[in-house]
Amino acid sequence: MTPVGKRPKWLWGAVVGLAAGALAVGIVLNWPGGDRRDDHSQAFQQPEAVDTAETETPTLVSQPRPEFSLPDLSGTRHALKEWDGKVLAVNFWATWCGPCKEEIPLFNTLQSQYGPRGMQFIGVAMDDRESVQTYVKTHAIDYPVLVDGEDAAERLAIRYGDDQGVVPYTAFIDRQGRIAFIQFGAISQDLARQIIESLL
């Protein structure tokens, strides 16, 4: 998921990425409607030889969302409860992550389409403030971007179930504040729409 040569502490993800793919399959199979694999999401490709017995972590699906408060690019702090009552997609991403950046136009579109119905995307940058500020000058992000340094974002991602350091990583949260779906790796447009439609 992470480009080679960017963030060494994430680069052990070559093996972890394969394990995360296997974990994502298990999550998808538990989603209402069954297996929703498609050709657009690498997170759903399960390697036959991977033993996930020691790599799977307890799912957070149906559990209350972890609360947090982080500053945006202007320094204004936002608590997650600010968006209580809405369907949320908390997306962990970074400027050095290719698949993360490829998701942003899709999220912009979905925010525009579903925002009036109560959908809110939130980007949590696994990056330093300067890098994110430089990036948003030339790339539109039509939803809040929160950034408090890579270490703080990493700790929060772990609380949200991404203890394997996979980016992008997205947690969908229902209107009652429960985690409804978690996605390791980039998500396809079809799956994202299915999830959002089911939660609105």
Foldseek 3Di string as FASTA:
>chain_A
DFDPPDDVVLVVCVVVLQLQLQQQQVQCQPAPPGGDDDPPFPSVDHDPPDDNPPPHDDAQAQPFQDWDWFAFLVRRIDIPCVLAQAKEKEKEAEPRGPLRLVCQVLVVVCCVVCVVVRYAYEYEYLAASVRVVVVCVVDPHPHTYGYDYNVVSLVSVVSNPPPSNAPGKIWIAANNRGTHGIDGTHDDSVVVVVVNVVRD
